[in-house]
Every structure is written in C-alpha cells, then in structure tokens.
Amino acid sequence: MGLQDRVKAAAKNVEGKIQETVGDVTGNQKQQIEGKAKQAEAQVQNTVEDVKDEVKKIVD
C-alpha cells in the first residue's frame, strides 16, 4: 500500500468536496463540476491502491 498515494487521494477528495460546496453556495456550476471531478479522481486513486494491495497479497 502506498500510504503517500492514499494521503494524496484523501487530500484531493477533501479539496474536491470543498470546491463543490463553494460552487453550490455561489451558484458556480464550473466549481461544482471541477469539485466532483477531483472527488472522482481521488476515488480512482484509491481503487488503484486497493488493486495494488490485493496483487501484493497474492504475490506474497
């Protein structure tokens, strides 16, 4: 497991949630979409780390 990669993904997720919320409050659709995109990217990063963990379990 890449702890550093998981921390980066968590930070990107939080950043995305904040950006989406700011977009909601201000009515800025671009901010909302960009925030959701960052959250999706973070989810992909976490999924990649999960796959790496599972492969490592199989190999070990």
C-alpha atoms as a PDB file:
ATOM      1  CA  MET A   1       0.000   0.000   0.000  1.00  0.00           C
ATOM      2  CA  GLY A   2       1.298   3.395  -0.914  1.00  0.00           C
ATOM      3  CA  LEU A   3       0.465   5.426   2.151  1.00  0.00           C
ATOM      4  CA  GLN A   4       1.688   8.589   0.476  1.00  0.00           C
ATOM      5  CA  ASP A   5      -0.620   7.931  -2.501  1.00  0.00           C
ATOM      6  CA  ARG A   6      -3.577   7.339  -0.178  1.00  0.00           C
ATOM      7  CA  VAL A   7      -2.862  10.605   1.657  1.00  0.00           C
ATOM      8  CA  LYS A   8      -2.730  12.463  -1.657  1.00  0.00           C
ATOM      9  CA  ALA A   9      -6.033  10.887  -2.695  1.00  0.00           C
ATOM     10  CA  ALA A  10      -7.644  11.865   0.609  1.00  0.00           C
ATOM     11  CA  ALA A  11      -6.405  15.433   0.245  1.00  0.00           C
ATOM     12  CA  LYS A  12      -7.720  15.626  -3.319  1.00  0.00           C
ATOM     13  CA  ASN A  13     -11.081  14.280  -2.158  1.00  0.00           C
ATOM     14  CA  VAL A  14     -11.352  16.925   0.570  1.00  0.00           C
ATOM     15  CA  GLU A  15     -10.281  19.620  -1.874  1.00  0.00           C
ATOM     16  CA  GLY A  16     -12.944  18.445  -4.299  1.00  0.00           C
ATOM     17  CA  LYS A  17     -15.662  18.444  -1.654  1.00  0.00           C
ATOM     18  CA  ILE A  18     -14.738  21.970  -0.597  1.00  0.00           C
ATOM     19  CA  GLN A  19     -14.682  23.175  -4.194  1.00  0.00           C
ATOM     20  CA  GLU A  20     -18.043  21.545  -4.901  1.00  0.00           C
ATOM     21  CA  THR A  21     -19.552  23.136  -1.776  1.00  0.00           C
ATOM     22  CA  VAL A  22     -18.215  26.565  -2.726  1.00  0.00           C
ATOM     23  CA  GLY A  23     -19.771  26.080  -6.144  1.00  0.00           C
ATOM     24  CA  ASP A  24     -23.083  25.122  -4.542  1.00  0.00           C
ATOM     25  CA  VAL A  25     -23.078  28.169  -2.279  1.00  0.00           C
ATOM     26  CA  THR A  26     -22.067  30.624  -5.005  1.00  0.00           C
ATOM     27  CA  GLY A  27     -24.096  29.009  -7.755  1.00  0.00           C
ATOM     28  CA  ASN A  28     -20.928  28.469  -9.793  1.00  0.00           C
ATOM     29  CA  GLN A  29     -21.573  25.341 -11.840  1.00  0.00           C
ATOM     30  CA  LYS A  30     -17.962  25.171 -13.084  1.00  0.00           C
ATOM     31  CA  GLN A  31     -16.699  24.962  -9.482  1.00  0.00           C
ATOM     32  CA  GLN A  32     -19.244  22.232  -8.726  1.00  0.00           C
ATOM     33  CA  ILE A  33     -18.169  20.168 -11.725  1.00  0.00           C
ATOM     34  CA  GLU A  34     -14.458  20.613 -11.023  1.00  0.00           C
ATOM     35  CA  GLY A  35     -15.017  19.618  -7.398  1.00  0.00           C
ATOM     36  CA  LYS A  36     -16.872  16.480  -8.412  1.00  0.00           C
ATOM     37  CA  ALA A  37     -14.120  15.647 -10.901  1.00  0.00           C
ATOM     38  CA  LYS A  38     -11.474  15.898  -8.177  1.00  0.00           C
ATOM     39  CA  GLN A  39     -13.517  13.591  -5.976  1.00  0.00           C
ATOM     40  CA  ALA A  40     -13.808  11.083  -8.822  1.00  0.00           C
ATOM     41  CA  GLU A  41     -10.052  11.265  -9.413  1.00  0.00           C
ATOM     42  CA  ALA A  42      -9.446  10.576  -5.726  1.00  0.00           C
ATOM     43  CA  GLN A  43     -11.743   7.549  -5.903  1.00  0.00           C
ATOM     44  CA  VAL A  44      -9.781   6.201  -8.873  1.00  0.00           C
ATOM     45  CA  GLN A  45      -6.516   6.689  -6.976  1.00  0.00           C
ATOM     46  CA  ASN A  46      -7.933   4.760  -4.025  1.00  0.00           C
ATOM     47  CA  THR A  47      -9.137   1.963  -6.297  1.00  0.00           C
ATOM     48  CA  VAL A  48      -5.673   1.685  -7.854  1.00  0.00           C
ATOM     49  CA  GLU A  49      -4.159   1.404  -4.385  1.00  0.00           C
ATOM     50  CA  ASP A  50      -6.714  -1.274  -3.458  1.00  0.00           C
ATOM     51  CA  VAL A  51      -5.766  -3.292  -6.544  1.00  0.00           C
ATOM     52  CA  LYS A  52      -2.075  -2.928  -5.723  1.00  0.00           C
ATOM     53  CA  ASP A  53      -2.762  -4.209  -2.193  1.00  0.00           C
ATOM     54  CA  GLU A  54      -4.669  -7.221  -3.498  1.00  0.00           C
ATOM     55  CA  VAL A  55      -1.941  -8.096  -6.013  1.00  0.00           C
ATOM     56  CA  LYS A  56       0.680  -7.828  -3.296  1.00  0.00           C
ATOM     57  CA  LYS A  57      -1.322 -10.231  -1.099  1.00  0.00           C
ATOM     58  CA  ILE A  58      -1.489 -12.744  -3.933  1.00  0.00           C
ATOM     59  CA  VAL A  59       2.207 -12.447  -4.761  1.00  0.00           C
ATOM     60  CA  ASP A  60       3.363 -12.658  -1.139  1.00  0.00           C
END
